[in-house]
């Protein structure tokens, strides 16, 4: 099975699990469930849950039930996108090629839809049929990666407060290791935890997550400069318009591309202990750097 076929198969698996985990649109109150599912099923690539599942498979090829764990990451990611698009933050009209949540359901319902997806993510983890110690570690990992100290929210705060400031390499790294990198790294760590990885396996997968997390954000910043809104499925050129601190702003496009390739190469290196079980993780690292949207 080639990578395109594999990704399509895994996306279907994740979508089916998300459909099972999130209340149907007909469940009262209907409006909030329509709003939640509108953004959740708007066509995301499901990179984070797929990384989580592949990390678990790299540790133990026969691991069962990891899809629900992986979906908690997509629930958190989608909540963050809904809130990120709000007028008070990035004020965007399109996400994944569709009108943003607040454009369809209004600001108040969009805020609540994000809140609801955040909440259900931890409910999903709490209900996993695994040992209590692993369940606790998973909840701690996801909450830390989503939070204020070195996590996604902390990174978003630094990003907001950095708007209009002179490009600064240290602030740039602080923003992106937290805003994007923390949740991507958590994807690998949670897969490792779910599969009862050894300390060495956990450390290697965590390191891989750090490298692809940084590569992902570098490429994101490059695409915002080079690609059209149609290709991205969201408004292109907003980073420059809002005077955000980005990799191209600090290093220029050519050096940014080189840095992304270097992070990808480091990600490949740390997977050596897993041999053929990490084949898909190698392919996903390349995909993250070579993507055009």
C-alpha atoms as a PDB file:
ATOM      1  CA  UNK A   1       0.000   0.000   0.000  1.00  0.00           C
ATOM      2  CA  UNK A   2       1.508   3.356  -0.990  1.00  0.00           C
ATOM      3  CA  UNK A   3       1.476   6.385   1.298  1.00  0.00           C
ATOM      4  CA  UNK A   4      -1.545   8.042  -0.328  1.00  0.00           C
ATOM      5  CA  UNK A   5      -3.640   4.877   0.064  1.00  0.00           C
ATOM      6  CA  UNK A   6      -2.401   4.360   3.600  1.00  0.00           C
ATOM      7  CA  UNK A   7      -3.293   7.913   4.641  1.00  0.00           C
ATOM      8  CA  UNK A   8      -6.774   7.617   3.110  1.00  0.00           C
ATOM      9  CA  UNK A   9      -7.314   4.358   5.018  1.00  0.00           C
ATOM     10  CA  UNK A  10      -6.111   5.857   8.311  1.00  0.00           C
ATOM     11  CA  UNK A  11      -8.202   9.006   7.838  1.00  0.00           C
ATOM     12  CA  UNK A  12     -11.305   6.857   7.391  1.00  0.00           C
ATOM     13  CA  UNK A  13     -10.430   4.951  10.561  1.00  0.00           C
ATOM     14  CA  UNK A  14     -10.038   8.181  12.536  1.00  0.00           C
ATOM     15  CA  UNK A  15     -13.220   9.688  11.100  1.00  0.00           C
ATOM     16  CA  UNK A  16     -15.229   6.589  11.994  1.00  0.00           C
ATOM     17  CA  UNK A  17     -13.900   6.695  15.548  1.00  0.00           C
ATOM     18  CA  UNK A  18     -14.607  10.432  15.882  1.00  0.00           C
ATOM     19  CA  UNK A  19     -18.135   9.817  14.612  1.00  0.00           C
ATOM     20  CA  UNK A  20     -18.583   7.215  17.336  1.00  0.00           C
ATOM     21  CA  UNK A  21     -17.138   9.390  20.098  1.00  0.00           C
ATOM     22  CA  UNK A  22     -18.913  12.706  19.406  1.00  0.00           C
ATOM     23  CA  UNK A  23     -22.692  12.994  19.932  1.00  0.00           C
ATOM     24  CA  UNK A  24     -24.780  13.005  16.722  1.00  0.00           C
ATOM     25  CA  UNK A  25     -26.235  16.268  15.411  1.00  0.00           C
ATOM     26  CA  UNK A  26     -29.681  15.117  16.523  1.00  0.00           C
ATOM     27  CA  UNK A  27     -28.621  14.948  20.188  1.00  0.00           C
ATOM     28  CA  UNK A  28     -29.972  17.811  22.289  1.00  0.00           C
ATOM     29  CA  UNK A  29     -28.934  20.588  22.308  1.00  0.00           C
ATOM     30  CA  UNK A  30     -28.672  20.096  18.552  1.00  0.00           C
ATOM     31  CA  UNK A  31     -26.997  23.406  17.678  1.00  0.00           C
ATOM     32  CA  UNK A  32     -23.837  22.756  19.680  1.00  0.00           C
ATOM     33  CA  UNK A  33     -23.436  19.260  18.260  1.00  0.00           C
ATOM     34  CA  UNK A  34     -23.895  20.577  14.712  1.00  0.00           C
ATOM     35  CA  UNK A  35     -21.248  23.219  15.376  1.00  0.00           C
ATOM     36  CA  UNK A  36     -18.803  20.696  16.868  1.00  0.00           C
ATOM     37  CA  UNK A  37     -19.200  18.255  13.999  1.00  0.00           C
ATOM     38  CA  UNK A  38     -19.104  21.007  11.349  1.00  0.00           C
ATOM     39  CA  UNK A  39     -15.465  21.796  12.150  1.00  0.00           C
ATOM     40  CA  UNK A  40     -14.476  18.285  13.198  1.00  0.00           C
ATOM     41  CA  UNK A  41     -15.507  16.786   9.852  1.00  0.00           C
ATOM     42  CA  UNK A  42     -14.405  19.676   7.636  1.00  0.00           C
ATOM     43  CA  UNK A  43     -11.711  17.593   5.945  1.00  0.00           C
ATOM     44  CA  UNK A  44      -8.635  17.661   8.174  1.00  0.00           C
ATOM     45  CA  UNK A  45      -5.580  15.561   7.326  1.00  0.00           C
ATOM     46  CA  UNK A  46      -5.672  13.808  10.754  1.00  0.00           C
ATOM     47  CA  UNK A  47      -1.865  14.018  10.992  1.00  0.00           C
ATOM     48  CA  UNK A  48      -1.801  14.071  14.814  1.00  0.00           C
ATOM     49  CA  UNK A  49      -3.951  10.976  15.404  1.00  0.00           C
ATOM     50  CA  UNK A  50      -2.139   9.112  12.626  1.00  0.00           C
ATOM     51  CA  UNK A  51       1.213   9.942  14.222  1.00  0.00           C
ATOM     52  CA  UNK A  52      -0.123   8.705  17.556  1.00  0.00           C
ATOM     53  CA  UNK A  53      -1.279   5.406  16.086  1.00  0.00           C
ATOM     54  CA  UNK A  54       1.979   4.893  14.202  1.00  0.00           C
ATOM     55  CA  UNK A  55       4.028   5.580  17.329  1.00  0.00           C
ATOM     56  CA  UNK A  56       2.058   2.872  19.122  1.00  0.00           C
ATOM     57  CA  UNK A  57       2.577   0.471  16.186  1.00  0.00           C
ATOM     58  CA  UNK A  58       6.307   1.188  16.159  1.00  0.00           C
ATOM     59  CA  UNK A  59       6.415  -0.046  19.761  1.00  0.00           C
ATOM     60  CA  UNK A  60       3.941  -2.912  19.390  1.00  0.00           C
ATOM     61  CA  UNK A  61       2.534  -3.851  15.952  1.00  0.00           C
ATOM     62  CA  UNK A  62      -0.440  -5.666  17.506  1.00  0.00           C
ATOM     63  CA  UNK A  63      -1.642  -2.822  19.757  1.00  0.00           C
ATOM     64  CA  UNK A  64      -5.456  -2.550  19.893  1.00  0.00           C
ATOM     65  CA  UNK A  65      -7.807   0.320  20.677  1.00  0.00           C
ATOM     66  CA  UNK A  66      -5.334   3.144  20.103  1.00  0.00           C
ATOM     67  CA  UNK A  67      -7.672   4.985  17.690  1.00  0.00           C
ATOM     68  CA  UNK A  68      -9.812   6.428  20.489  1.00  0.00           C
ATOM     69  CA  UNK A  69      -6.705   7.691  22.276  1.00  0.00           C
ATOM     70  CA  UNK A  70      -5.478   9.202  19.003  1.00  0.00           C
ATOM     71  CA  UNK A  71      -8.807  10.966  18.437  1.00  0.00           C
ATOM     72  CA  UNK A  72      -8.382  12.973  21.635  1.00  0.00           C
ATOM     73  CA  UNK A  73      -5.575  14.822  19.836  1.00  0.00           C
ATOM     74  CA  UNK A  74      -7.821  15.691  16.894  1.00  0.00           C
ATOM     75  CA  UNK A  75     -10.517  16.946  19.273  1.00  0.00           C
ATOM     76  CA  UNK A  76      -8.013  19.286  20.935  1.00  0.00           C
ATOM     77  CA  UNK A  77      -6.561  20.380  17.584  1.00  0.00           C
ATOM     78  CA  UNK A  78      -9.986  21.199  16.128  1.00  0.00           C
ATOM     79  CA  UNK A  79     -11.021  23.143  19.233  1.00  0.00           C
ATOM     80  CA  UNK A  80      -7.850  25.220  18.898  1.00  0.00           C
ATOM     81  CA  UNK A  81      -8.582  25.976  15.235  1.00  0.00           C
ATOM     82  CA  UNK A  82     -12.142  27.112  15.992  1.00  0.00           C
ATOM     83  CA  UNK A  83     -10.897  29.498  18.674  1.00  0.00           C
ATOM     84  CA  UNK A  84      -7.868  30.610  16.635  1.00  0.00           C
ATOM     85  CA  UNK A  85     -10.159  31.756  13.807  1.00  0.00           C
ATOM     86  CA  UNK A  86     -12.355  33.931  16.056  1.00  0.00           C
ATOM     87  CA  UNK A  87     -12.418  37.720  15.513  1.00  0.00           C
ATOM     88  CA  UNK A  88     -10.639  38.262  18.840  1.00  0.00           C
ATOM     89  CA  UNK A  89      -7.675  36.160  17.682  1.00  0.00           C
ATOM     90  CA  UNK A  90      -6.761  35.652  13.999  1.00  0.00           C
ATOM     91  CA  UNK A  91     -10.169  36.714  12.641  1.00  0.00           C
ATOM     92  CA  UNK A  92     -10.226  34.316   9.679  1.00  0.00           C
ATOM     93  CA  UNK A  93     -13.137  33.592   7.347  1.00  0.00           C
ATOM     94  CA  UNK A  94     -12.007  30.201   6.000  1.00  0.00           C
ATOM     95  CA  UNK A  95     -10.557  27.012   7.430  1.00  0.00           C
ATOM     96  CA  UNK A  96      -9.952  23.780   5.516  1.00  0.00           C
ATOM     97  CA  UNK A  97     -11.614  25.440   2.522  1.00  0.00           C
ATOM     98  CA  UNK A  98     -14.908  26.097   4.343  1.00  0.00           C
ATOM     99  CA  UNK A  99     -16.339  29.061   6.208  1.00  0.00           C
ATOM    100  CA  UNK A 100     -14.986  29.174   9.731  1.00  0.00           C
ATOM    101  CA  UNK A 101     -17.197  28.044  12.582  1.00  0.00           C
ATOM    102  CA  UNK A 102     -18.087  31.501  13.849  1.00  0.00           C
ATOM    103  CA  UNK A 103     -19.080  32.582  10.329  1.00  0.00           C
ATOM    104  CA  UNK A 104     -21.675  29.806  10.248  1.00  0.00           C
ATOM    105  CA  UNK A 105     -22.811  29.529  13.880  1.00  0.00           C
ATOM    106  CA  UNK A 106     -21.836  32.901  15.386  1.00  0.00           C
ATOM    107  CA  UNK A 107     -19.083  33.785  17.861  1.00  0.00           C
ATOM    108  CA  UNK A 108     -20.847  32.502  20.977  1.00  0.00           C
ATOM    109  CA  UNK A 109     -21.635  29.060  19.576  1.00  0.00           C
ATOM    110  CA  UNK A 110     -18.126  28.777  18.082  1.00  0.00           C
ATOM    111  CA  UNK A 111     -16.598  29.445  21.495  1.00  0.00           C
ATOM    112  CA  UNK A 112     -18.842  26.819  23.071  1.00  0.00           C
ATOM    113  CA  UNK A 113     -18.119  24.306  20.296  1.00  0.00           C
ATOM    114  CA  UNK A 114     -14.390  24.695  20.984  1.00  0.00           C
ATOM    115  CA  UNK A 115     -14.991  24.338  24.717  1.00  0.00           C
ATOM    116  CA  UNK A 116     -17.048  21.190  24.122  1.00  0.00           C
ATOM    117  CA  UNK A 117     -14.395  19.543  21.931  1.00  0.00           C
ATOM    118  CA  UNK A 118     -11.735  20.338  24.533  1.00  0.00           C
ATOM    119  CA  UNK A 119     -13.878  18.786  27.262  1.00  0.00           C
ATOM    120  CA  UNK A 120     -14.801  15.623  25.388  1.00  0.00           C
ATOM    121  CA  UNK A 121     -11.134  14.943  24.577  1.00  0.00           C
ATOM    122  CA  UNK A 122     -10.438  14.229  28.250  1.00  0.00           C
ATOM    123  CA  UNK A 123     -13.656  12.260  28.630  1.00  0.00           C
ATOM    124  CA  UNK A 124     -12.425  10.001  25.805  1.00  0.00           C
ATOM    125  CA  UNK A 125      -9.117   9.384  27.580  1.00  0.00           C
ATOM    126  CA  UNK A 126     -10.814   8.783  30.926  1.00  0.00           C
ATOM    127  CA  UNK A 127     -12.974   6.062  29.375  1.00  0.00           C
ATOM    128  CA  UNK A 128     -10.157   4.101  27.687  1.00  0.00           C
ATOM    129  CA  UNK A 129     -10.001   0.412  28.588  1.00  0.00           C
ATOM    130  CA  UNK A 130      -6.383   0.452  29.730  1.00  0.00           C
ATOM    131  CA  UNK A 131      -4.572   0.484  33.079  1.00  0.00           C
ATOM    132  CA  UNK A 132      -5.142   3.483  35.333  1.00  0.00           C
ATOM    133  CA  UNK A 133      -1.479   4.456  35.367  1.00  0.00           C
ATOM    134  CA  UNK A 134      -1.308   4.695  31.568  1.00  0.00           C
ATOM    135  CA  UNK A 135      -4.628   6.547  31.501  1.00  0.00           C
ATOM    136  CA  UNK A 136      -3.275   9.081  34.022  1.00  0.00           C
ATOM    137  CA  UNK A 137      -0.083   9.567  32.001  1.00  0.00           C
ATOM    138  CA  UNK A 138      -2.097  10.139  28.806  1.00  0.00           C
ATOM    139  CA  UNK A 139      -4.340  12.736  30.456  1.00  0.00           C
ATOM    140  CA  UNK A 140      -1.308  14.490  31.968  1.00  0.00           C
ATOM    141  CA  UNK A 141       0.511  14.518  28.611  1.00  0.00           C
ATOM    142  CA  UNK A 142      -2.399  15.938  26.643  1.00  0.00           C
ATOM    143  CA  UNK A 143      -3.259  18.578  29.245  1.00  0.00           C
ATOM    144  CA  UNK A 144       0.370  19.694  29.492  1.00  0.00           C
ATOM    145  CA  UNK A 145       0.776  19.889  25.705  1.00  0.00           C
ATOM    146  CA  UNK A 146      -2.432  21.926  25.462  1.00  0.00           C
ATOM    147  CA  UNK A 147      -1.708  24.242  28.380  1.00  0.00           C
ATOM    148  CA  UNK A 148       0.026  27.471  29.310  1.00  0.00           C
ATOM    149  CA  UNK A 149       3.525  26.380  30.357  1.00  0.00           C
ATOM    150  CA  UNK A 150       5.332  25.281  27.220  1.00  0.00           C
ATOM    151  CA  UNK A 151       2.043  24.142  25.688  1.00  0.00           C
ATOM    152  CA  UNK A 152      -0.283  25.219  22.902  1.00  0.00           C
ATOM    153  CA  UNK A 153      -2.091  28.000  24.770  1.00  0.00           C
ATOM    154  CA  UNK A 154       1.170  29.434  26.079  1.00  0.00           C
ATOM    155  CA  UNK A 155       2.478  29.462  22.525  1.00  0.00           C
ATOM    156  CA  UNK A 156      -0.635  31.206  21.261  1.00  0.00           C
ATOM    157  CA  UNK A 157      -0.238  33.890  23.933  1.00  0.00           C
ATOM    158  CA  UNK A 158       3.401  34.449  22.927  1.00  0.00           C
ATOM    159  CA  UNK A 159       2.316  34.577  19.282  1.00  0.00           C
ATOM    160  CA  UNK A 160      -0.326  37.220  19.991  1.00  0.00           C
ATOM    161  CA  UNK A 161       1.986  39.327  22.137  1.00  0.00           C
ATOM    162  CA  UNK A 162       4.758  39.027  19.549  1.00  0.00           C
ATOM    163  CA  UNK A 163       2.726  40.655  16.770  1.00  0.00           C
ATOM    164  CA  UNK A 164       4.405  43.841  15.557  1.00  0.00           C
ATOM    165  CA  UNK A 165       7.644  43.170  17.446  1.00  0.00           C
ATOM    166  CA  UNK A 166      10.966  42.972  15.563  1.00  0.00           C
ATOM    167  CA  UNK A 167      11.723  39.429  14.289  1.00  0.00           C
ATOM    168  CA  UNK A 168      13.542  37.592  17.065  1.00  0.00           C
ATOM    169  CA  UNK A 169      14.947  34.054  16.819  1.00  0.00           C
ATOM    170  CA  UNK A 170      14.556  33.199  20.512  1.00  0.00           C
ATOM    171  CA  UNK A 171      10.935  34.357  20.677  1.00  0.00           C
ATOM    172  CA  UNK A 172      10.209  32.545  17.411  1.00  0.00           C
ATOM    173  CA  UNK A 173      11.427  29.235  18.838  1.00  0.00           C
ATOM    174  CA  UNK A 174       9.508  29.803  22.081  1.00  0.00           C
ATOM    175  CA  UNK A 175       6.282  30.418  20.152  1.00  0.00           C
ATOM    176  CA  UNK A 176       6.465  27.488  17.794  1.00  0.00           C
ATOM    177  CA  UNK A 177       7.836  24.805  20.091  1.00  0.00           C
ATOM    178  CA  UNK A 178       4.791  25.506  22.246  1.00  0.00           C
ATOM    179  CA  UNK A 179       2.042  26.558  19.838  1.00  0.00           C
ATOM    180  CA  UNK A 180       2.470  23.785  17.261  1.00  0.00           C
ATOM    181  CA  UNK A 181       5.313  21.578  18.450  1.00  0.00           C
ATOM    182  CA  UNK A 182       3.919  20.579  21.851  1.00  0.00           C
ATOM    183  CA  UNK A 183       0.780  18.903  20.503  1.00  0.00           C
ATOM    184  CA  UNK A 184       2.681  17.180  17.684  1.00  0.00           C
ATOM    185  CA  UNK A 185       5.230  15.859  20.170  1.00  0.00           C
ATOM    186  CA  UNK A 186       2.390  14.736  22.428  1.00  0.00           C
ATOM    187  CA  UNK A 187       0.989  12.719  19.527  1.00  0.00           C
ATOM    188  CA  UNK A 188       4.118  10.553  19.535  1.00  0.00           C
ATOM    189  CA  UNK A 189       4.415  10.431  23.302  1.00  0.00           C
ATOM    190  CA  UNK A 190       0.804   9.373  23.742  1.00  0.00           C
ATOM    191  CA  UNK A 191       1.192   6.574  21.212  1.00  0.00           C
ATOM    192  CA  UNK A 192       4.275   5.414  23.096  1.00  0.00           C
ATOM    193  CA  UNK A 193       2.496   5.563  26.455  1.00  0.00           C
ATOM    194  CA  UNK A 194      -0.543   3.717  25.127  1.00  0.00           C
ATOM    195  CA  UNK A 195       1.672   0.887  23.808  1.00  0.00           C
ATOM    196  CA  UNK A 196       3.653   0.633  27.088  1.00  0.00           C
ATOM    197  CA  UNK A 197       6.911   1.765  25.483  1.00  0.00           C
ATOM    198  CA  UNK A 198      10.240   1.373  27.270  1.00  0.00           C
ATOM    199  CA  UNK A 199      12.035   4.518  28.451  1.00  0.00           C
ATOM    200  CA  UNK A 200      14.352   4.314  25.429  1.00  0.00           C
ATOM    201  CA  UNK A 201      11.460   3.932  22.984  1.00  0.00           C
ATOM    202  CA  UNK A 202       9.518   6.776  24.611  1.00  0.00           C
ATOM    203  CA  UNK A 203      12.575   9.049  24.466  1.00  0.00           C
ATOM    204  CA  UNK A 204      13.232   8.269  20.791  1.00  0.00           C
ATOM    205  CA  UNK A 205       9.612   8.885  19.771  1.00  0.00           C
ATOM    206  CA  UNK A 206       9.511  12.085  21.824  1.00  0.00           C
ATOM    207  CA  UNK A 207      12.666  13.314  20.077  1.00  0.00           C
ATOM    208  CA  UNK A 208      11.158  12.453  16.681  1.00  0.00           C
ATOM    209  CA  UNK A 209       8.075  14.458  17.676  1.00  0.00           C
ATOM    210  CA  UNK A 210      10.170  17.500  18.586  1.00  0.00           C
ATOM    211  CA  UNK A 211      11.944  17.474  15.227  1.00  0.00           C
ATOM    212  CA  UNK A 212       8.846  17.009  13.067  1.00  0.00           C
ATOM    213  CA  UNK A 213       6.942  19.521  15.203  1.00  0.00           C
ATOM    214  CA  UNK A 214       9.484  22.218  14.402  1.00  0.00           C
ATOM    215  CA  UNK A 215       9.678  21.141  10.747  1.00  0.00           C
ATOM    216  CA  UNK A 216       5.873  21.306  10.505  1.00  0.00           C
ATOM    217  CA  UNK A 217       5.759  24.900  11.718  1.00  0.00           C
ATOM    218  CA  UNK A 218       8.651  26.031   9.523  1.00  0.00           C
ATOM    219  CA  UNK A 219       6.850  24.628   6.478  1.00  0.00           C
ATOM    220  CA  UNK A 220       3.582  26.204   7.633  1.00  0.00           C
ATOM    221  CA  UNK A 221       5.278  29.604   7.742  1.00  0.00           C
ATOM    222  CA  UNK A 222       6.791  29.079   4.282  1.00  0.00           C
ATOM    223  CA  UNK A 223       3.451  28.025   2.792  1.00  0.00           C
ATOM    224  CA  UNK A 224       1.767  31.145   4.182  1.00  0.00           C
ATOM    225  CA  UNK A 225       4.178  33.167   2.038  1.00  0.00           C
ATOM    226  CA  UNK A 226       4.262  31.020  -1.091  1.00  0.00           C
ATOM    227  CA  UNK A 227       0.863  29.350  -1.522  1.00  0.00           C
ATOM    228  CA  UNK A 228      -2.582  30.725  -2.410  1.00  0.00           C
ATOM    229  CA  UNK A 229      -5.574  30.832  -0.095  1.00  0.00           C
ATOM    230  CA  UNK A 230      -7.255  28.241  -2.327  1.00  0.00           C
ATOM    231  CA  UNK A 231      -4.350  25.825  -1.933  1.00  0.00           C
ATOM    232  CA  UNK A 232      -4.105  26.336   1.828  1.00  0.00           C
ATOM    233  CA  UNK A 233      -7.845  26.252   2.536  1.00  0.00           C
ATOM    234  CA  UNK A 234      -7.376  29.376   4.676  1.00  0.00           C
ATOM    235  CA  UNK A 235      -6.351  32.975   4.109  1.00  0.00           C
ATOM    236  CA  UNK A 236      -2.773  33.140   2.806  1.00  0.00           C
ATOM    237  CA  UNK A 237      -0.389  35.979   3.697  1.00  0.00           C
ATOM    238  CA  UNK A 238      -1.940  36.655   7.101  1.00  0.00           C
ATOM    239  CA  UNK A 239       1.345  36.204   8.979  1.00  0.00           C
ATOM    240  CA  UNK A 240       2.931  39.129   7.174  1.00  0.00           C
ATOM    241  CA  UNK A 241      -0.266  41.205   7.296  1.00  0.00           C
ATOM    242  CA  UNK A 242      -0.449  40.771  11.075  1.00  0.00           C
ATOM    243  CA  UNK A 243       3.320  41.278  11.483  1.00  0.00           C
ATOM    244  CA  UNK A 244       3.772  37.888  13.114  1.00  0.00           C
ATOM    245  CA  UNK A 245       7.164  36.498  14.019  1.00  0.00           C
ATOM    246  CA  UNK A 246       7.753  33.648  11.544  1.00  0.00           C
ATOM    247  CA  UNK A 247      10.679  31.612  10.235  1.00  0.00           C
ATOM    248  CA  UNK A 248      10.784  33.449   6.877  1.00  0.00           C
ATOM    249  CA  UNK A 249      10.649  36.792   8.714  1.00  0.00           C
ATOM    250  CA  UNK A 250      13.606  35.842  10.925  1.00  0.00           C
ATOM    251  CA  UNK A 251      15.712  33.645   8.616  1.00  0.00           C
ATOM    252  CA  UNK A 252      14.398  34.205   5.066  1.00  0.00           C
ATOM    253  CA  UNK A 253      12.807  31.577   2.824  1.00  0.00           C
ATOM    254  CA  UNK A 254      15.938  29.709   1.723  1.00  0.00           C
ATOM    255  CA  UNK A 255      17.352  29.254   5.218  1.00  0.00           C
ATOM    256  CA  UNK A 256      13.890  28.291   6.465  1.00  0.00           C
ATOM    257  CA  UNK A 257      13.693  25.525   3.857  1.00  0.00           C
ATOM    258  CA  UNK A 258      17.145  24.290   4.859  1.00  0.00           C
ATOM    259  CA  UNK A 259      16.144  24.243   8.536  1.00  0.00           C
ATOM    260  CA  UNK A 260      13.026  22.205   7.781  1.00  0.00           C
ATOM    261  CA  UNK A 261      15.112  19.649   5.877  1.00  0.00           C
ATOM    262  CA  UNK A 262      17.593  19.450   8.753  1.00  0.00           C
ATOM    263  CA  UNK A 263      14.827  18.813  11.279  1.00  0.00           C
ATOM    264  CA  UNK A 264      13.418  16.105   9.005  1.00  0.00           C
ATOM    265  CA  UNK A 265      16.847  14.421   8.761  1.00  0.00           C
ATOM    266  CA  UNK A 266      17.192  14.414  12.553  1.00  0.00           C
ATOM    267  CA  UNK A 267      13.724  12.889  12.861  1.00  0.00           C
ATOM    268  CA  UNK A 268      14.774  10.040  10.561  1.00  0.00           C
ATOM    269  CA  UNK A 269      17.915   9.357  12.593  1.00  0.00           C
ATOM    270  CA  UNK A 270      16.191   8.852  15.950  1.00  0.00           C
ATOM    271  CA  UNK A 271      13.905   6.165  14.498  1.00  0.00           C
ATOM    272  CA  UNK A 272      16.769   3.713  13.841  1.00  0.00           C
ATOM    273  CA  UNK A 273      15.994   1.516  16.902  1.00  0.00           C
ATOM    274  CA  UNK A 274      12.533   0.703  15.524  1.00  0.00           C
ATOM    275  CA  UNK A 275      13.675  -0.685  12.166  1.00  0.00           C
ATOM    276  CA  UNK A 276      10.907  -1.502   9.703  1.00  0.00           C
ATOM    277  CA  UNK A 277       8.186  -0.811  12.281  1.00  0.00           C
ATOM    278  CA  UNK A 278       8.894   2.910  11.798  1.00  0.00           C
ATOM    279  CA  UNK A 279       8.501   2.899   8.000  1.00  0.00           C
ATOM    280  CA  UNK A 280       5.315   4.977   8.096  1.00  0.00           C
ATOM    281  CA  UNK A 281       6.849   7.442  10.560  1.00  0.00           C
ATOM    282  CA  UNK A 282       9.730   7.962   8.124  1.00  0.00           C
ATOM    283  CA  UNK A 283       7.223   8.587   5.327  1.00  0.00           C
ATOM    284  CA  UNK A 284       5.203  10.981   7.471  1.00  0.00           C
ATOM    285  CA  UNK A 285       8.311  13.026   8.296  1.00  0.00           C
ATOM    286  CA  UNK A 286       9.005  13.456   4.577  1.00  0.00           C
ATOM    287  CA  UNK A 287       5.355  14.310   3.924  1.00  0.00           C
ATOM    288  CA  UNK A 288       5.364  17.047   6.558  1.00  0.00           C
ATOM    289  CA  UNK A 289       8.330  18.768   4.894  1.00  0.00           C
ATOM    290  CA  UNK A 290       7.210  18.258   1.294  1.00  0.00           C
ATOM    291  CA  UNK A 291       3.527  19.179   1.693  1.00  0.00           C
ATOM    292  CA  UNK A 292       1.957  22.112  -0.155  1.00  0.00           C
ATOM    293  CA  UNK A 293      -0.999  22.793   2.153  1.00  0.00           C
END
